[in-house]
Amino acid sequence: MADGSFVFGPFRLLVAHRVLLRDDRPLRLGSRAFDLLAFLVQRAGETIGNDELMAAVWSGVHVDDNTLRVHVAALRRALGDGPGGNHYIANEPGRGYSFAAPVSREQGDASDARSTADRPAHNLPVSLTHVIGRDEIIAALAAQLRARRFLTILGPGGVGKTTVAVAIADQLSGSYADGVRFVGLGSLLDPDLVAATVRAAFGEAPADADALASLAAALRDKRVLIVLDSCEHVVQAAAALAVTLLQAAPGVAILSTSREALRAEGEWVQRLPSLAVPPKSASLGAAEALAFAAVQLFSERAAASMHGFTLADEDVPVAVDICRRLDGIPFAIELAAARIDVYGLRGLATLINDRLLLAARGRRTAQPRHQTLSALLDWSYDLLSPTEAAVLRRLAVFADDFSLDAAQAVAGDIAGLALTDQLVSLIQKSLVVADLADEGARYRLLTTTRLYALEKLRAAGEEADANRRHAAYVESLAGR
């Protein structure tokens, strides 16, 4: 791609630095969307065929026209392209796409360097894949963080909390004069080292005395965003640090990710939903199904794992079923899609209810707890009290959702009258999902959590008793 920058409307595209600015503020784009935009802008006014676009943007990866259409639609949304707004990307049926808006070019690196030099420093992780299906919630949470200063993204392991947090921080990086600091707490074994770990992220030497007090003093006059990632095993220390810094330094904002809320003063909590999956009643072709983020993720990861894979219309019911049974959890979908070269699409459908899925390995470069579903869930399970763990194991006998009475029937002997408290705790720790409706609350385990809990139930020698209690409860309902 050419160096220099390209200006159109309120946007400035810095190609060499892979930055898109809107009114001089960074706009988050996925890597494929950025490449697509850059290719179109550099040949503005020229109609480029689908095959040429796909070869340029997905070099070495086979994708189809549906994938291109999905990315063009996402790019249009990011640019505000559409009826009543600006018109940037034009589609000429049967011919391809063109960049229709006037574009001016600034030659050389000077303008690029000046703009990027003005951006505050950050240490955010760089993703080699683009974010799918999160544009709206990233924008909404970025606005909320600007207004609230302290936001926790909550959800089960593998739902994409870190991915979303990094995207939010990247989008807001230009708003903090003293930069953004990402602090991964996942490998921290001692909660007492949380403050020292944050100090180290700022390049501060270890404190001789109170690390938190010295950190608060160092940040007192700073305008900075701190991302605290994976707080669930150090929630008390993370909460104390957040409150201390926010009280001492009015220019500090904190974005945390956790499977459990920090429950700290001033904290605003947003539970991150799973990726969108088509409704059960929908009868869709490939193009319509790929408009749903879970299916798009599955299709892209499958194509990356098996050369020549494209989602055909006849494949849609199976792919949608896989995504739905995996509850739209990105990590689980990625693990399943990565096995398509071994099992095939229909073979993957049988894998979902098999313990092999728990052991399927993800990226070699991921943290150990993010390399398998089993390791991911070990992280949460090991933080439970013995009673919470026992209740979770018993709840695995429910293949579908269940009521509080049903939970009492299979686990009441463990927790007694305190079962409600245990259930609430499991909900707070993102291991049980509560579905609230007018007719009353229903509860369920995500498929991956249930598979894991069933393994633990068998290992504990409790499966027969739990099944007996479940059968007795079902019989009691039939007799009413």
Protein backbone atom coordinates (compact mmCIF):
# COMPACT_ATOMS: atom_id res chain seq x y z
CA MET A 1 0.00 0.00 0.00
CA ALA A 2 1.09 3.56 -0.67
CA ASP A 3 2.47 5.83 2.00
CA GLY A 4 0.96 9.19 2.88
CA SER A 5 -2.56 10.00 3.94
CA PHE A 6 -5.90 10.28 2.17
CA VAL A 7 -8.60 12.75 3.16
CA PHE A 8 -12.31 12.35 2.43
CA GLY A 9 -15.16 14.03 4.25
CA PRO A 10 -14.33 14.16 7.99
CA PHE A 11 -11.94 11.22 7.63
CA ARG A 12 -8.18 10.96 7.28
CA LEU A 13 -6.68 7.60 6.35
CA LEU A 14 -3.05 7.08 7.41
CA VAL A 15 -2.15 4.02 5.41
CA ALA A 16 1.39 3.34 6.62
CA HIS A 17 0.32 3.62 10.25
CA ARG A 18 -2.97 1.74 9.71
CA VAL A 19 -4.98 4.50 11.37
CA LEU A 20 -8.33 6.00 10.34
CA LEU A 21 -9.13 9.34 11.97
CA ARG A 22 -12.56 10.95 12.09
CA ASP A 23 -12.38 14.61 13.06
CA ASP A 24 -8.80 13.82 14.18
CA ARG A 25 -9.93 11.07 16.56
CA PRO A 26 -9.02 7.42 15.94
CA LEU A 27 -11.80 5.21 14.61
CA ARG A 28 -11.58 1.51 15.32
CA LEU A 29 -11.59 -0.74 12.24
CA GLY A 30 -10.87 -4.44 11.92
CA SER A 31 -7.77 -5.37 9.93
CA ARG A 32 -9.73 -6.67 6.93
CA ALA A 33 -12.02 -3.64 6.91
CA PHE A 34 -8.98 -1.34 7.01
CA ASP A 35 -7.31 -3.17 4.11
CA LEU A 36 -10.54 -3.03 2.12
CA LEU A 37 -10.97 0.70 2.74
CA ALA A 38 -7.33 1.45 1.89
CA PHE A 39 -7.51 -0.51 -1.36
CA LEU A 40 -10.70 1.25 -2.45
CA VAL A 41 -9.55 4.74 -1.42
CA GLN A 42 -6.25 4.47 -3.25
CA ARG A 43 -8.17 3.71 -6.44
CA ALA A 44 -11.06 6.09 -5.80
CA GLY A 45 -13.48 6.47 -8.68
CA GLU A 46 -12.43 3.16 -10.23
CA THR A 47 -14.71 0.12 -10.21
CA ILE A 48 -12.81 -2.85 -8.81
CA GLY A 49 -14.10 -6.38 -9.36
CA ASN A 50 -14.94 -8.67 -6.46
CA ASP A 51 -12.19 -11.15 -7.34
CA GLU A 52 -9.51 -8.46 -7.32
CA LEU A 53 -10.75 -7.04 -4.02
CA MET A 54 -10.81 -10.45 -2.36
CA ALA A 55 -7.35 -11.31 -3.65
CA ALA A 56 -5.95 -8.05 -2.30
CA VAL A 57 -7.63 -8.13 1.12
CA TRP A 58 -7.65 -11.89 1.79
CA SER A 59 -4.39 -12.81 0.11
CA GLY A 60 -3.88 -16.57 0.27
CA VAL A 61 -7.26 -17.20 1.94
CA HIS A 62 -10.23 -18.39 -0.08
CA VAL A 63 -13.39 -16.39 0.63
CA ASP A 64 -16.58 -15.88 -1.35
CA ASP A 65 -18.70 -12.91 -2.41
CA ASN A 66 -20.83 -13.23 0.74
CA THR A 67 -17.83 -12.54 2.96
CA LEU A 68 -16.94 -9.50 0.88
CA ARG A 69 -20.51 -8.17 1.11
CA VAL A 70 -20.51 -8.56 4.90
CA HIS A 71 -17.26 -6.59 5.22
CA VAL A 72 -18.43 -3.87 2.85
CA ALA A 73 -21.63 -3.53 4.91
CA ALA A 74 -19.62 -3.26 8.13
CA LEU A 75 -17.31 -0.67 6.55
CA ARG A 76 -20.28 1.37 5.38
CA ARG A 77 -21.69 1.35 8.91
CA ALA A 78 -18.36 2.52 10.33
CA LEU A 79 -18.21 5.39 7.85
CA GLY A 80 -21.84 6.39 8.34
CA ASP A 81 -22.53 5.52 4.71
CA GLY A 82 -26.20 5.16 3.82
CA PRO A 83 -29.50 6.83 3.03
CA GLY A 84 -29.60 10.39 4.32
CA GLY A 85 -25.87 10.36 5.02
CA ASN A 86 -22.63 10.53 3.09
CA HIS A 87 -22.06 8.17 0.18
CA TYR A 88 -18.62 6.59 0.13
CA ILE A 89 -18.77 3.05 -1.26
CA ALA A 90 -20.78 2.34 -4.39
CA ASN A 91 -21.81 -1.11 -5.61
CA GLU A 92 -22.15 -1.75 -9.32
CA PRO A 93 -24.00 -5.09 -9.66
CA GLY A 94 -22.08 -7.57 -11.73
CA ARG A 95 -18.98 -5.36 -11.83
CA GLY A 96 -17.75 -4.68 -8.29
CA TYR A 97 -17.27 -1.78 -5.88
CA SER A 98 -15.85 1.72 -6.11
CA PHE A 99 -15.00 4.52 -3.69
CA ALA A 100 -17.39 7.24 -4.81
CA ALA A 101 -16.44 10.21 -2.58
CA PRO A 102 -13.83 12.83 -3.50
CA VAL A 103 -10.41 11.99 -2.10
CA SER A 104 -7.37 14.22 -1.66
CA ARG A 105 -3.93 12.82 -1.00
CA GLU A 106 -1.13 14.19 1.16
CA GLN A 107 2.22 12.89 -0.01
CA GLY A 108 4.98 11.57 2.20
CA ASP A 109 5.20 10.58 5.84
CA ALA A 110 5.30 14.04 7.42
CA SER A 111 1.59 14.38 7.95
CA ASP A 112 1.32 10.77 9.10
CA ALA A 113 4.15 11.12 11.57
CA ARG A 114 2.78 14.38 12.93
CA SER A 115 -0.67 12.92 13.55
CA THR A 116 0.53 9.70 15.11
CA ALA A 117 3.15 11.47 17.18
CA ASP A 118 0.37 13.52 18.72
CA ARG A 119 -1.42 10.38 19.84
CA PRO A 120 -0.65 9.48 23.45
CA ALA A 121 1.40 6.35 24.07
CA HIS A 122 -0.26 3.06 24.90
CA ASN A 123 0.76 -0.55 25.39
CA LEU A 124 -2.43 -2.17 24.10
CA PRO A 125 -2.08 -5.69 22.71
CA VAL A 126 -2.11 -5.81 18.92
CA SER A 127 -4.64 -8.26 17.49
CA LEU A 128 -3.88 -10.06 14.23
CA THR A 129 -7.57 -10.72 13.60
CA HIS A 130 -10.39 -8.21 13.32
CA VAL A 131 -13.23 -7.82 15.80
CA ILE A 132 -16.52 -9.30 14.60
CA GLY A 133 -19.96 -8.22 15.68
CA ARG A 134 -18.98 -5.80 18.42
CA ASP A 135 -19.07 -2.37 16.75
CA GLU A 136 -22.25 -1.18 18.46
CA ILE A 137 -21.37 -2.28 21.97
CA ILE A 138 -17.81 -0.94 21.63
CA ALA A 139 -19.19 2.47 20.70
CA ALA A 140 -21.80 2.36 23.47
CA LEU A 141 -19.35 1.33 26.18
CA ALA A 142 -16.78 3.89 25.02
CA ALA A 143 -19.41 6.60 25.49
CA GLN A 144 -20.35 5.17 28.88
CA LEU A 145 -16.73 5.09 30.04
CA ARG A 146 -16.26 8.72 29.03
CA ALA A 147 -19.21 9.66 31.22
CA ARG A 148 -18.67 7.27 34.16
CA ARG A 149 -14.85 6.86 34.50
CA PHE A 150 -15.14 3.33 35.98
CA LEU A 151 -16.60 0.51 33.92
CA THR A 152 -16.37 -3.27 34.30
CA ILE A 153 -17.07 -5.59 31.38
CA LEU A 154 -18.53 -8.76 32.82
CA GLY A 155 -19.05 -12.19 31.26
CA PRO A 156 -18.05 -15.83 31.14
CA GLY A 157 -14.66 -16.96 29.93
CA GLY A 158 -14.32 -16.84 26.17
CA VAL A 159 -17.08 -14.31 25.49
CA GLY A 160 -14.56 -11.69 24.33
CA LYS A 161 -14.21 -9.29 27.26
CA THR A 162 -10.53 -8.56 26.62
CA THR A 163 -11.10 -8.09 22.89
CA VAL A 164 -13.85 -5.55 23.51
CA ALA A 165 -11.91 -3.76 26.25
CA VAL A 166 -8.86 -3.35 24.01
CA ALA A 167 -11.04 -2.02 21.18
CA ILE A 168 -12.67 0.50 23.53
CA ALA A 169 -9.31 1.62 24.87
CA ASP A 170 -7.92 1.96 21.36
CA GLN A 171 -10.93 4.02 20.30
CA LEU A 172 -10.52 6.33 23.32
CA SER A 173 -6.73 6.55 23.27
CA GLY A 174 -6.77 10.03 21.77
CA SER A 175 -8.90 11.28 24.68
CA TYR A 176 -6.26 10.69 27.36
CA ALA A 177 -3.31 13.05 27.16
CA ASP A 178 -1.08 10.76 29.21
CA GLY A 179 -1.99 7.62 27.36
CA VAL A 180 -3.53 4.22 27.98
CA ARG A 181 -2.04 1.42 30.03
CA PHE A 182 -3.13 -2.20 29.67
CA VAL A 183 -2.45 -4.28 32.79
CA GLY A 184 -3.00 -8.03 32.50
CA LEU A 185 -3.71 -9.52 35.91
CA GLY A 186 -4.41 -13.07 34.73
CA SER A 187 -0.97 -14.45 35.61
CA LEU A 188 -0.82 -12.71 38.97
CA LEU A 189 -0.80 -15.17 41.88
CA ASP A 190 -0.58 -12.70 44.77
CA PRO A 191 -3.35 -10.07 45.15
CA ASP A 192 -0.94 -7.94 47.15
CA LEU A 193 1.04 -7.34 43.94
CA VAL A 194 -1.81 -5.72 41.99
CA ALA A 195 -0.70 -2.14 42.71
CA ALA A 196 2.95 -2.97 41.99
CA THR A 197 1.92 -4.57 38.68
CA VAL A 198 0.06 -1.41 37.64
CA ARG A 199 3.07 0.71 38.67
CA ALA A 200 5.28 -1.45 36.47
CA ALA A 201 2.96 -0.85 33.49
CA PHE A 202 3.71 2.87 33.87
CA GLY A 203 7.44 2.20 34.02
CA GLU A 204 7.61 3.08 37.70
CA ALA A 205 10.26 1.45 39.84
CA PRO A 206 9.05 -0.79 42.70
CA ALA A 207 7.89 1.28 45.65
CA ASP A 208 9.85 1.16 48.87
CA ALA A 209 6.66 1.31 50.93
CA ASP A 210 2.99 1.53 49.96
CA ALA A 211 2.81 0.78 46.23
CA LEU A 212 -0.80 1.93 45.93
CA ALA A 213 -0.23 5.24 47.70
CA SER A 214 2.83 6.03 45.59
CA LEU A 215 0.93 5.08 42.42
CA ALA A 216 -1.94 7.38 43.37
CA ALA A 217 0.52 10.21 43.97
CA ALA A 218 2.23 9.62 40.61
CA LEU A 219 -1.09 9.74 38.74
CA ARG A 220 -2.62 12.64 40.67
CA ASP A 221 -2.27 15.14 37.81
CA LYS A 222 -2.39 12.67 34.92
CA ARG A 223 -5.14 12.06 32.39
CA VAL A 224 -4.88 8.37 31.70
CA LEU A 225 -6.99 5.28 31.03
CA ILE A 226 -6.05 2.08 32.84
CA VAL A 227 -7.33 -1.26 31.55
CA LEU A 228 -7.34 -3.91 34.28
CA ASP A 229 -7.77 -7.26 32.52
CA SER A 230 -8.89 -10.50 34.22
CA CYS A 231 -9.71 -9.25 37.70
CA GLU A 232 -11.87 -12.16 38.89
CA HIS A 233 -9.21 -13.84 41.03
CA VAL A 234 -8.02 -10.57 42.61
CA VAL A 235 -11.36 -8.74 42.84
CA GLN A 236 -10.82 -7.29 46.29
CA ALA A 237 -7.38 -5.89 45.50
CA ALA A 238 -8.52 -4.61 42.09
CA ALA A 239 -11.54 -2.91 43.69
CA ALA A 240 -9.38 -1.23 46.32
CA LEU A 241 -6.93 0.00 43.67
CA ALA A 242 -9.69 1.35 41.45
CA VAL A 243 -11.41 3.30 44.21
CA THR A 244 -8.12 4.72 45.54
CA LEU A 245 -6.95 5.92 42.12
CA LEU A 246 -10.31 7.38 41.11
CA GLN A 247 -10.55 9.33 44.35
CA ALA A 248 -6.95 10.57 44.24
CA ALA A 249 -6.65 11.34 40.53
CA PRO A 250 -9.65 12.98 38.81
CA GLY A 251 -8.10 12.46 35.35
CA VAL A 252 -7.87 8.69 35.72
CA ALA A 253 -10.45 6.34 34.18
CA ILE A 254 -10.55 2.59 34.72
CA LEU A 255 -11.87 -0.10 32.41
CA SER A 256 -11.80 -3.57 33.94
CA THR A 257 -12.72 -7.03 32.71
CA SER A 258 -13.84 -9.79 35.01
CA ARG A 259 -16.05 -12.84 35.31
CA GLU A 260 -17.34 -11.30 38.54
CA ALA A 261 -18.14 -7.66 39.30
CA LEU A 262 -15.64 -5.82 41.51
CA ARG A 263 -18.56 -4.39 43.53
CA ALA A 264 -16.62 -1.21 44.19
CA GLU A 265 -17.85 2.32 44.76
CA GLY A 266 -18.51 4.12 41.49
CA GLU A 267 -18.38 0.95 39.37
CA TRP A 268 -20.72 0.60 36.39
CA VAL A 269 -21.14 -2.96 35.17
CA GLN A 270 -21.93 -4.09 31.63
CA ARG A 271 -22.47 -7.79 30.98
CA LEU A 272 -21.09 -8.61 27.53
CA PRO A 273 -23.59 -10.60 25.47
CA SER A 274 -22.68 -13.49 23.23
CA LEU A 275 -22.42 -12.97 19.49
CA ALA A 276 -25.72 -12.78 17.64
CA VAL A 277 -27.13 -16.07 16.33
CA PRO A 278 -30.08 -16.42 13.92
CA PRO A 279 -33.40 -17.18 15.62
CA LYS A 280 -34.57 -20.79 15.60
CA SER A 281 -37.48 -20.06 13.32
CA ALA A 282 -35.35 -18.38 10.65
CA SER A 283 -34.82 -20.02 7.27
CA LEU A 284 -31.80 -18.29 5.81
CA GLY A 285 -29.42 -18.48 2.91
CA ALA A 286 -25.68 -18.03 3.37
CA ALA A 287 -25.73 -14.28 2.73
CA GLU A 288 -28.46 -13.69 5.33
CA ALA A 289 -26.85 -16.00 7.89
CA LEU A 290 -23.48 -14.25 7.54
CA ALA A 291 -25.13 -11.03 8.71
CA PHE A 292 -25.15 -12.65 12.19
CA ALA A 293 -21.82 -12.25 13.96
CA ALA A 294 -21.58 -15.80 15.33
CA VAL A 295 -22.01 -17.30 11.86
CA GLN A 296 -19.59 -14.81 10.33
CA LEU A 297 -16.95 -15.70 12.93
CA PHE A 298 -17.50 -19.42 12.38
CA SER A 299 -17.26 -19.04 8.61
CA GLU A 300 -14.08 -16.95 8.70
CA ARG A 301 -12.28 -19.20 11.18
CA ALA A 302 -13.34 -22.31 9.26
CA ALA A 303 -12.02 -20.79 6.02
CA ALA A 304 -8.72 -20.04 7.76
CA SER A 305 -8.46 -23.68 8.88
CA MET A 306 -9.54 -25.44 5.70
CA HIS A 307 -8.57 -24.11 2.29
CA GLY A 308 -11.52 -23.82 -0.02
CA PHE A 309 -14.22 -23.69 2.65
CA THR A 310 -17.09 -21.35 1.91
CA LEU A 311 -20.43 -21.35 3.62
CA ALA A 312 -22.99 -22.55 1.08
CA ASP A 313 -26.75 -22.24 1.43
CA GLU A 314 -27.10 -25.94 2.19
CA ASP A 315 -24.52 -25.65 5.00
CA VAL A 316 -26.35 -22.88 6.83
CA PRO A 317 -28.65 -25.02 9.06
CA VAL A 318 -25.70 -27.02 10.39
CA ALA A 319 -23.46 -23.97 10.91
CA VAL A 320 -26.24 -22.05 12.64
CA ASP A 321 -26.98 -25.04 14.87
CA ILE A 322 -23.32 -25.26 15.88
CA CYS A 323 -23.19 -21.55 16.72
CA ARG A 324 -26.45 -21.71 18.65
CA ARG A 325 -25.44 -24.79 20.65
CA LEU A 326 -22.20 -23.03 21.53
CA ASP A 327 -24.29 -20.12 22.80
CA GLY A 328 -22.56 -17.63 20.52
CA ILE A 329 -19.41 -17.76 22.67
CA PRO A 330 -16.54 -16.61 20.39
CA PHE A 331 -13.82 -18.78 21.93
CA ALA A 332 -15.92 -21.94 21.68
CA ILE A 333 -16.91 -21.12 18.09
CA GLU A 334 -13.28 -20.54 17.14
CA LEU A 335 -12.21 -23.85 18.68
CA ALA A 336 -14.96 -25.74 16.85
CA ALA A 337 -14.30 -24.03 13.50
CA ALA A 338 -10.60 -24.81 13.77
CA ARG A 339 -11.47 -28.54 13.73
CA ILE A 340 -13.38 -28.43 10.44
CA ASP A 341 -10.43 -29.87 8.53
CA VAL A 342 -10.56 -32.96 10.75
CA TYR A 343 -14.27 -33.54 11.31
CA GLY A 344 -15.96 -31.69 8.45
CA LEU A 345 -18.91 -29.40 9.01
CA ARG A 346 -21.39 -32.11 9.92
CA GLY A 347 -18.86 -33.92 12.05
CA LEU A 348 -18.42 -30.76 14.09
CA ALA A 349 -22.11 -30.85 14.98
CA THR A 350 -21.56 -34.17 16.78
CA LEU A 351 -18.47 -32.81 18.51
CA ILE A 352 -20.42 -30.13 20.36
CA ASN A 353 -21.84 -32.57 22.92
CA ASP A 354 -18.61 -34.52 23.22
CA ARG A 355 -15.91 -34.12 25.85
CA LEU A 356 -13.38 -33.82 22.99
CA LEU A 357 -14.48 -30.22 22.57
CA LEU A 358 -13.27 -29.41 26.08
CA ALA A 359 -9.79 -30.66 25.23
CA ALA A 360 -9.57 -29.09 21.76
CA ARG A 361 -6.54 -26.82 21.70
CA GLY A 362 -6.61 -23.20 20.56
CA ARG A 363 -3.76 -20.94 19.55
CA ARG A 364 -0.30 -21.99 20.75
CA THR A 365 0.51 -18.37 21.59
CA ALA A 366 -2.51 -17.90 23.88
CA GLN A 367 -2.17 -17.80 27.64
CA PRO A 368 -2.38 -21.33 29.11
CA ARG A 369 -5.92 -20.77 30.43
CA HIS A 370 -7.05 -19.72 26.94
CA GLN A 371 -5.65 -22.74 25.10
CA THR A 372 -8.53 -25.13 25.83
CA LEU A 373 -12.11 -24.79 27.02
CA SER A 374 -11.27 -27.03 29.94
CA ALA A 375 -8.45 -24.74 31.07
CA LEU A 376 -10.67 -21.71 30.58
CA LEU A 377 -13.33 -23.19 32.86
CA ASP A 378 -10.78 -24.52 35.36
CA TRP A 379 -9.93 -20.87 35.99
CA SER A 380 -13.50 -20.13 37.12
CA TYR A 381 -14.14 -23.45 38.85
CA ASP A 382 -11.04 -23.20 41.01
CA LEU A 383 -12.28 -19.87 42.39
CA LEU A 384 -15.51 -21.43 43.72
CA SER A 385 -16.16 -22.44 47.29
CA PRO A 386 -16.67 -26.20 47.81
CA THR A 387 -20.43 -25.68 48.14
CA GLU A 388 -20.64 -23.53 44.99
CA ALA A 389 -18.66 -26.13 43.06
CA ALA A 390 -20.92 -28.94 44.26
CA VAL A 391 -24.06 -27.02 43.27
CA LEU A 392 -22.64 -26.27 39.82
CA ARG A 393 -21.87 -29.95 39.29
CA ARG A 394 -25.43 -30.95 40.21
CA LEU A 395 -26.97 -28.33 37.92
CA ALA A 396 -25.23 -29.97 34.96
CA VAL A 397 -27.96 -32.65 34.88
CA PHE A 398 -30.29 -30.07 33.30
CA ALA A 399 -29.98 -30.19 29.52
CA ASP A 400 -32.27 -27.16 29.20
CA ASP A 401 -33.28 -24.31 31.45
CA PHE A 402 -34.62 -24.98 34.94
CA SER A 403 -36.51 -23.31 37.77
CA LEU A 404 -35.42 -22.57 41.31
CA ASP A 405 -37.59 -25.48 42.51
CA ALA A 406 -35.81 -27.80 40.09
CA ALA A 407 -32.42 -26.62 41.34
CA GLN A 408 -33.58 -27.20 44.91
CA ALA A 409 -34.59 -30.74 44.01
CA VAL A 410 -31.16 -31.74 42.66
CA ALA A 411 -28.89 -29.64 44.89
CA GLY A 412 -30.91 -28.76 47.98
CA ASP A 413 -29.23 -31.49 50.02
CA ILE A 414 -25.92 -29.71 49.53
CA ALA A 415 -26.83 -26.10 50.16
CA GLY A 416 -30.11 -26.44 52.05
CA LEU A 417 -31.97 -23.18 52.48
CA ALA A 418 -28.88 -21.32 51.25
CA LEU A 419 -29.28 -22.70 47.72
CA THR A 420 -30.62 -19.38 46.48
CA ASP A 421 -27.48 -17.65 47.74
CA GLN A 422 -25.29 -20.22 45.99
CA LEU A 423 -27.24 -19.82 42.76
CA VAL A 424 -26.95 -16.04 42.91
CA SER A 425 -23.20 -16.37 43.48
CA LEU A 426 -22.84 -18.64 40.44
CA ILE A 427 -24.79 -16.11 38.37
CA GLN A 428 -22.55 -13.31 39.60
CA LYS A 429 -19.50 -15.38 38.65
CA SER A 430 -20.85 -15.89 35.10
CA LEU A 431 -21.28 -19.65 35.45
CA VAL A 432 -25.09 -19.70 35.46
CA VAL A 433 -27.30 -17.61 33.18
CA ALA A 434 -30.52 -16.10 34.55
CA ASP A 435 -33.31 -15.49 32.03
CA LEU A 436 -35.88 -13.15 33.56
CA ALA A 437 -39.43 -13.14 32.22
CA ASP A 438 -42.89 -12.13 33.39
CA GLU A 439 -43.72 -15.72 34.31
CA GLY A 440 -40.67 -15.98 36.55
CA ALA A 441 -36.93 -16.57 36.40
CA ARG A 442 -35.41 -19.51 34.58
CA TYR A 443 -31.79 -20.57 34.83
CA ARG A 444 -29.42 -22.42 32.53
CA LEU A 445 -25.82 -23.39 32.00
CA LEU A 446 -24.03 -22.53 28.78
CA THR A 447 -23.32 -25.66 26.74
CA THR A 448 -19.58 -25.50 27.35
CA THR A 449 -20.07 -24.92 31.09
CA ARG A 450 -22.50 -27.84 31.28
CA LEU A 451 -20.09 -30.19 29.49
CA TYR A 452 -17.35 -29.18 31.90
CA ALA A 453 -19.57 -29.51 34.98
CA LEU A 454 -20.73 -32.98 33.84
CA GLU A 455 -17.09 -34.05 33.69
CA LYS A 456 -16.60 -32.79 37.23
CA LEU A 457 -19.82 -34.53 38.33
CA ARG A 458 -18.58 -37.87 36.98
CA ALA A 459 -15.12 -37.38 38.48
CA ALA A 460 -16.68 -36.70 41.89
CA GLY A 461 -18.74 -39.92 41.69
CA GLU A 462 -21.98 -37.93 42.03
CA GLU A 463 -23.57 -38.51 38.62
CA ALA A 464 -25.85 -41.41 39.59
CA ASP A 465 -27.24 -39.60 42.63
CA ALA A 466 -27.77 -36.37 40.71
CA ASN A 467 -29.57 -38.22 37.91
CA ARG A 468 -31.75 -40.02 40.47
CA ARG A 469 -32.75 -36.71 42.06
CA HIS A 470 -33.47 -35.21 38.66
CA ALA A 471 -35.63 -38.18 37.64
CA ALA A 472 -37.55 -37.99 40.92
CA TYR A 473 -38.24 -34.30 40.34
CA VAL A 474 -39.50 -34.93 36.80
CA GLU A 475 -41.77 -37.72 38.10
CA SER A 476 -43.15 -35.40 40.77
CA LEU A 477 -44.08 -32.86 38.09
CA ALA A 478 -45.86 -35.54 36.06
CA GLY A 479 -47.91 -36.51 39.10
CA ARG A 480 -49.21 -33.00 39.75
